[in-house]
Amino acid sequence: MENVELPGGYARVTSLIRRALQSGHLHPELLLAECSSCGAAVLGPQPPERCPTCGWVLLVFGTERPE
């Protein structure tokens, strides 16, 4: 599985990711990374260290399955 760049940034995609996890359509061990500079988001098993859009360091978050 490869990383996927998500348009709209972290804030826009978190609700979509939560819904996908709840419905069982997204693997819970994927990581979501956000660029603190341009707001780009990357989802994948191991996001890159740097933002593919602007080159800034990505902040990595887990996509924990909601209770």
N, C-alpha and C. Protein backbone atom coordinates (compact mmCIF):
# COMPACT_ATOMS: atom_id res chain seq x y z
N MET A 1 0.84 -1.17 0.00
CA MET A 1 0.00 0.00 0.00
C MET A 1 0.89 1.24 0.00
N GLU A 2 0.52 2.24 -0.77
CA GLU A 2 1.32 3.46 -0.83
C GLU A 2 0.61 4.63 -0.18
N ASN A 3 1.34 5.70 0.08
CA ASN A 3 0.79 6.90 0.68
C ASN A 3 -0.09 7.63 -0.33
N VAL A 4 -1.09 8.34 0.19
CA VAL A 4 -2.02 9.10 -0.64
C VAL A 4 -2.06 10.53 -0.12
N GLU A 5 -1.87 11.50 -1.02
CA GLU A 5 -2.02 12.90 -0.65
C GLU A 5 -3.50 13.24 -0.66
N LEU A 6 -3.96 13.89 0.40
CA LEU A 6 -5.37 14.20 0.53
C LEU A 6 -5.61 15.70 0.32
N PRO A 7 -6.44 16.07 -0.66
CA PRO A 7 -6.71 17.49 -0.88
C PRO A 7 -7.55 18.06 0.26
N GLY A 8 -7.34 19.31 0.57
CA GLY A 8 -8.13 19.97 1.59
C GLY A 8 -7.49 20.00 2.96
N GLY A 9 -6.42 19.24 3.16
CA GLY A 9 -5.71 19.28 4.42
C GLY A 9 -6.34 18.44 5.53
N TYR A 10 -5.64 18.41 6.64
CA TYR A 10 -5.99 17.55 7.77
C TYR A 10 -7.37 17.85 8.33
N ALA A 11 -7.67 19.12 8.53
CA ALA A 11 -8.95 19.50 9.14
C ALA A 11 -10.13 18.99 8.33
N ARG A 12 -10.03 19.04 7.02
CA ARG A 12 -11.13 18.63 6.15
C ARG A 12 -11.30 17.11 6.11
N VAL A 13 -10.22 16.37 6.21
CA VAL A 13 -10.31 14.92 6.00
C VAL A 13 -10.52 14.11 7.27
N THR A 14 -10.32 14.68 8.46
CA THR A 14 -10.45 13.87 9.67
C THR A 14 -11.85 13.30 9.84
N SER A 15 -12.89 14.06 9.54
CA SER A 15 -14.25 13.52 9.69
C SER A 15 -14.50 12.41 8.67
N LEU A 16 -13.96 12.55 7.47
CA LEU A 16 -14.11 11.50 6.45
C LEU A 16 -13.40 10.23 6.90
N ILE A 17 -12.22 10.38 7.48
CA ILE A 17 -11.45 9.23 7.95
C ILE A 17 -12.17 8.54 9.10
N ARG A 18 -12.72 9.32 10.03
CA ARG A 18 -13.46 8.71 11.15
C ARG A 18 -14.65 7.89 10.64
N ARG A 19 -15.37 8.45 9.67
CA ARG A 19 -16.51 7.71 9.12
C ARG A 19 -16.05 6.43 8.42
N ALA A 20 -14.94 6.50 7.70
CA ALA A 20 -14.42 5.32 7.02
C ALA A 20 -13.98 4.25 8.02
N LEU A 21 -13.37 4.67 9.13
CA LEU A 21 -12.96 3.72 10.17
C LEU A 21 -14.18 3.07 10.80
N GLN A 22 -15.20 3.87 11.11
CA GLN A 22 -16.40 3.34 11.75
C GLN A 22 -17.10 2.32 10.86
N SER A 23 -17.07 2.55 9.56
CA SER A 23 -17.75 1.64 8.65
C SER A 23 -16.88 0.43 8.28
N GLY A 24 -15.62 0.42 8.74
CA GLY A 24 -14.73 -0.70 8.47
C GLY A 24 -14.07 -0.64 7.10
N HIS A 25 -14.12 0.51 6.44
CA HIS A 25 -13.55 0.64 5.10
C HIS A 25 -12.12 1.18 5.10
N LEU A 26 -11.54 1.37 6.27
CA LEU A 26 -10.19 1.91 6.34
C LEU A 26 -9.41 1.12 7.38
N HIS A 27 -8.21 0.72 7.03
CA HIS A 27 -7.38 -0.06 7.95
C HIS A 27 -6.95 0.82 9.12
N PRO A 28 -7.15 0.39 10.36
CA PRO A 28 -6.86 1.24 11.52
C PRO A 28 -5.38 1.51 11.77
N GLU A 29 -4.48 0.82 11.08
CA GLU A 29 -3.05 1.04 11.32
C GLU A 29 -2.43 2.04 10.35
N LEU A 30 -3.24 2.68 9.51
CA LEU A 30 -2.72 3.72 8.64
C LEU A 30 -2.42 4.96 9.47
N LEU A 31 -1.49 5.76 8.99
CA LEU A 31 -1.12 6.99 9.68
C LEU A 31 -1.54 8.19 8.83
N LEU A 32 -1.97 9.22 9.50
CA LEU A 32 -2.33 10.46 8.85
C LEU A 32 -1.30 11.50 9.24
N ALA A 33 -0.73 12.19 8.26
CA ALA A 33 0.28 13.21 8.53
C ALA A 33 -0.21 14.54 7.99
N GLU A 34 0.12 15.63 8.72
CA GLU A 34 -0.28 16.96 8.32
C GLU A 34 0.94 17.86 8.25
N CYS A 35 0.97 18.71 7.23
CA CYS A 35 2.02 19.71 7.11
C CYS A 35 1.61 20.94 7.91
N SER A 36 2.45 21.36 8.84
CA SER A 36 2.13 22.53 9.66
C SER A 36 2.37 23.83 8.90
N SER A 37 2.95 23.74 7.73
CA SER A 37 3.20 24.93 6.93
C SER A 37 2.07 25.20 5.94
N CYS A 38 1.79 24.23 5.04
CA CYS A 38 0.79 24.47 3.99
C CYS A 38 -0.54 23.77 4.25
N GLY A 39 -0.60 22.88 5.27
CA GLY A 39 -1.84 22.21 5.62
C GLY A 39 -2.15 20.96 4.82
N ALA A 40 -1.24 20.53 3.95
CA ALA A 40 -1.46 19.32 3.16
C ALA A 40 -1.56 18.12 4.10
N ALA A 41 -2.28 17.09 3.67
CA ALA A 41 -2.42 15.88 4.46
C ALA A 41 -2.02 14.68 3.61
N VAL A 42 -1.38 13.69 4.26
CA VAL A 42 -0.96 12.45 3.60
C VAL A 42 -1.43 11.29 4.46
N LEU A 43 -2.04 10.29 3.83
CA LEU A 43 -2.50 9.10 4.52
C LEU A 43 -1.75 7.90 3.96
N GLY A 44 -1.21 7.06 4.85
CA GLY A 44 -0.50 5.88 4.36
C GLY A 44 0.10 5.09 5.49
N PRO A 45 0.70 3.93 5.16
CA PRO A 45 1.30 3.09 6.19
C PRO A 45 2.54 3.72 6.81
N GLN A 46 3.24 4.54 6.04
CA GLN A 46 4.42 5.23 6.55
C GLN A 46 4.59 6.53 5.75
N PRO A 47 3.91 7.61 6.19
CA PRO A 47 4.01 8.87 5.47
C PRO A 47 5.46 9.36 5.40
N PRO A 48 5.80 10.14 4.37
CA PRO A 48 7.16 10.66 4.25
C PRO A 48 7.47 11.63 5.38
N GLU A 49 8.75 11.87 5.60
CA GLU A 49 9.17 12.79 6.65
C GLU A 49 8.85 14.24 6.27
N ARG A 50 8.91 14.52 4.96
CA ARG A 50 8.70 15.89 4.46
C ARG A 50 7.44 15.96 3.60
N CYS A 51 6.81 17.12 3.63
CA CYS A 51 5.59 17.36 2.85
C CYS A 51 5.90 17.27 1.35
N PRO A 52 5.11 16.49 0.59
CA PRO A 52 5.33 16.39 -0.84
C PRO A 52 4.95 17.67 -1.59
N THR A 53 4.21 18.56 -0.94
CA THR A 53 3.79 19.81 -1.57
C THR A 53 4.81 20.93 -1.40
N CYS A 54 5.24 21.15 -0.13
CA CYS A 54 6.13 22.30 0.12
C CYS A 54 7.48 21.92 0.72
N GLY A 55 7.68 20.66 1.15
CA GLY A 55 8.96 20.23 1.70
C GLY A 55 9.12 20.42 3.20
N TRP A 56 8.09 20.96 3.87
CA TRP A 56 8.16 21.16 5.31
C TRP A 56 8.03 19.81 6.03
N VAL A 57 8.43 19.74 7.30
CA VAL A 57 8.34 18.51 8.07
C VAL A 57 6.86 18.19 8.36
N LEU A 58 6.47 16.92 8.17
CA LEU A 58 5.09 16.50 8.43
C LEU A 58 4.93 16.07 9.89
N LEU A 59 3.77 16.38 10.46
CA LEU A 59 3.39 15.91 11.79
C LEU A 59 2.54 14.67 11.59
N VAL A 60 2.91 13.55 12.21
CA VAL A 60 2.23 12.28 11.98
C VAL A 60 1.28 11.98 13.14
N PHE A 61 0.07 11.56 12.78
CA PHE A 61 -0.96 11.19 13.75
C PHE A 61 -1.44 9.79 13.42
N GLY A 62 -1.87 9.04 14.42
CA GLY A 62 -2.50 7.75 14.17
C GLY A 62 -3.96 7.96 13.80
N THR A 63 -4.57 6.97 13.21
CA THR A 63 -5.99 7.05 12.89
C THR A 63 -6.72 6.06 13.79
N GLU A 64 -6.64 6.30 15.10
CA GLU A 64 -7.21 5.36 16.06
C GLU A 64 -8.70 5.15 15.79
N ARG A 65 -9.12 3.91 15.93
CA ARG A 65 -10.53 3.57 15.71
C ARG A 65 -11.37 4.22 16.82
N PRO A 66 -12.37 5.03 16.44
CA PRO A 66 -13.22 5.68 17.45
C PRO A 66 -14.02 4.65 18.25
N GLU A 67 -14.30 4.97 19.49
CA GLU A 67 -15.09 4.08 20.36
C GLU A 67 -16.54 4.10 19.93
